[in-house]
Amino acid sequence: MKDILIGIIIVIVAFFIIDFIYTEKNTCLIDENNSYSEVKCGIIKKELNVDIDLFGRYW
């Protein structure tokens, strides 16, 4: 059971590292206060349209 938890944690950390690298290349238009701004966005925002604003970028 402990090995499964460690494996899941490793997968989650690897996903966030890969997504962080992915966000360096991709941008999205975000509507904030009736004005559009171009921000860096990752896989979660681009594919699932879930707004998670963390560290100045949308994951």
C-alpha atoms as a PDB file:
ATOM      1  CA  MET A   1       0.000   0.000   0.000  1.00  0.00           C
ATOM      2  CA  LYS A   2       2.868   2.348   0.806  1.00  0.00           C
ATOM      3  CA  ASP A   3       4.422   1.702  -2.617  1.00  0.00           C
ATOM      4  CA  ILE A   4       1.173   2.623  -4.350  1.00  0.00           C
ATOM      5  CA  LEU A   5       0.993   5.948  -2.512  1.00  0.00           C
ATOM      6  CA  ILE A   6       4.613   6.755  -3.383  1.00  0.00           C
ATOM      7  CA  GLY A   7       3.926   5.888  -7.030  1.00  0.00           C
ATOM      8  CA  ILE A   8       0.859   8.142  -7.144  1.00  0.00           C
ATOM      9  CA  ILE A   9       2.817  11.018  -5.601  1.00  0.00           C
ATOM     10  CA  ILE A  10       5.614  10.563  -8.147  1.00  0.00           C
ATOM     11  CA  VAL A  11       3.093  10.601 -11.032  1.00  0.00           C
ATOM     12  CA  ILE A  12       1.424  13.778  -9.729  1.00  0.00           C
ATOM     13  CA  VAL A  13       4.752  15.577  -9.266  1.00  0.00           C
ATOM     14  CA  ALA A  14       5.912  14.485 -12.726  1.00  0.00           C
ATOM     15  CA  PHE A  15       2.642  15.742 -14.232  1.00  0.00           C
ATOM     16  CA  PHE A  16       3.076  19.184 -12.659  1.00  0.00           C
ATOM     17  CA  ILE A  17       6.690  19.422 -13.849  1.00  0.00           C
ATOM     18  CA  ILE A  18       5.719  18.465 -17.405  1.00  0.00           C
ATOM     19  CA  ASP A  19       2.740  20.833 -17.330  1.00  0.00           C
ATOM     20  CA  PHE A  20       4.960  23.657 -16.052  1.00  0.00           C
ATOM     21  CA  ILE A  21       7.271  23.153 -19.040  1.00  0.00           C
ATOM     22  CA  TYR A  22       4.217  22.983 -21.347  1.00  0.00           C
ATOM     23  CA  THR A  23       2.898  26.319 -20.048  1.00  0.00           C
ATOM     24  CA  GLU A  24       6.086  28.112 -21.088  1.00  0.00           C
ATOM     25  CA  LYS A  25       5.111  27.635 -24.747  1.00  0.00           C
ATOM     26  CA  ASN A  26       1.308  28.059 -24.664  1.00  0.00           C
ATOM     27  CA  THR A  27      -0.910  31.042 -23.961  1.00  0.00           C
ATOM     28  CA  CYS A  28      -4.661  31.543 -23.571  1.00  0.00           C
ATOM     29  CA  LEU A  29      -6.923  34.577 -23.626  1.00  0.00           C
ATOM     30  CA  ILE A  30      -8.553  35.111 -20.220  1.00  0.00           C
ATOM     31  CA  ASP A  31     -11.475  37.490 -19.654  1.00  0.00           C
ATOM     32  CA  GLU A  32     -10.810  39.436 -16.452  1.00  0.00           C
ATOM     33  CA  ASN A  33     -12.816  42.547 -15.552  1.00  0.00           C
ATOM     34  CA  ASN A  34     -14.249  42.881 -19.078  1.00  0.00           C
ATOM     35  CA  SER A  35     -10.798  42.924 -20.670  1.00  0.00           C
ATOM     36  CA  TYR A  36      -8.878  40.127 -22.275  1.00  0.00           C
ATOM     37  CA  SER A  37      -5.357  39.317 -21.210  1.00  0.00           C
ATOM     38  CA  GLU A  38      -2.970  36.775 -22.619  1.00  0.00           C
ATOM     39  CA  VAL A  39      -1.595  34.462 -19.926  1.00  0.00           C
ATOM     40  CA  LYS A  40       0.349  31.237 -19.894  1.00  0.00           C
ATOM     41  CA  CYS A  41      -1.876  28.190 -19.675  1.00  0.00           C
ATOM     42  CA  GLY A  42      -1.295  24.493 -19.257  1.00  0.00           C
ATOM     43  CA  ILE A  43      -2.936  21.236 -20.223  1.00  0.00           C
ATOM     44  CA  ILE A  44      -5.717  21.418 -17.615  1.00  0.00           C
ATOM     45  CA  LYS A  45      -6.870  24.880 -18.755  1.00  0.00           C
ATOM     46  CA  LYS A  46      -6.474  24.238 -22.466  1.00  0.00           C
ATOM     47  CA  GLU A  47      -8.112  20.802 -22.643  1.00  0.00           C
ATOM     48  CA  LEU A  48     -10.539  20.744 -19.677  1.00  0.00           C
ATOM     49  CA  ASN A  49     -11.206  24.509 -19.351  1.00  0.00           C
ATOM     50  CA  VAL A  50     -10.697  24.433 -15.580  1.00  0.00           C
ATOM     51  CA  ASP A  51      -9.417  27.728 -14.146  1.00  0.00           C
ATOM     52  CA  ILE A  52      -6.673  27.061 -11.607  1.00  0.00           C
ATOM     53  CA  ASP A  53      -4.711  30.299 -11.231  1.00  0.00           C
ATOM     54  CA  LEU A  54      -1.463  29.423  -9.475  1.00  0.00           C
ATOM     55  CA  PHE A  55       1.957  31.117  -9.674  1.00  0.00           C
ATOM     56  CA  GLY A  56       0.762  33.613 -12.315  1.00  0.00           C
ATOM     57  CA  ARG A  57      -0.339  31.007 -14.816  1.00  0.00           C
ATOM     58  CA  TYR A  58      -3.446  28.951 -15.490  1.00  0.00           C
ATOM     59  CA  TRP A  59      -2.934  25.219 -15.022  1.00  0.00           C
END
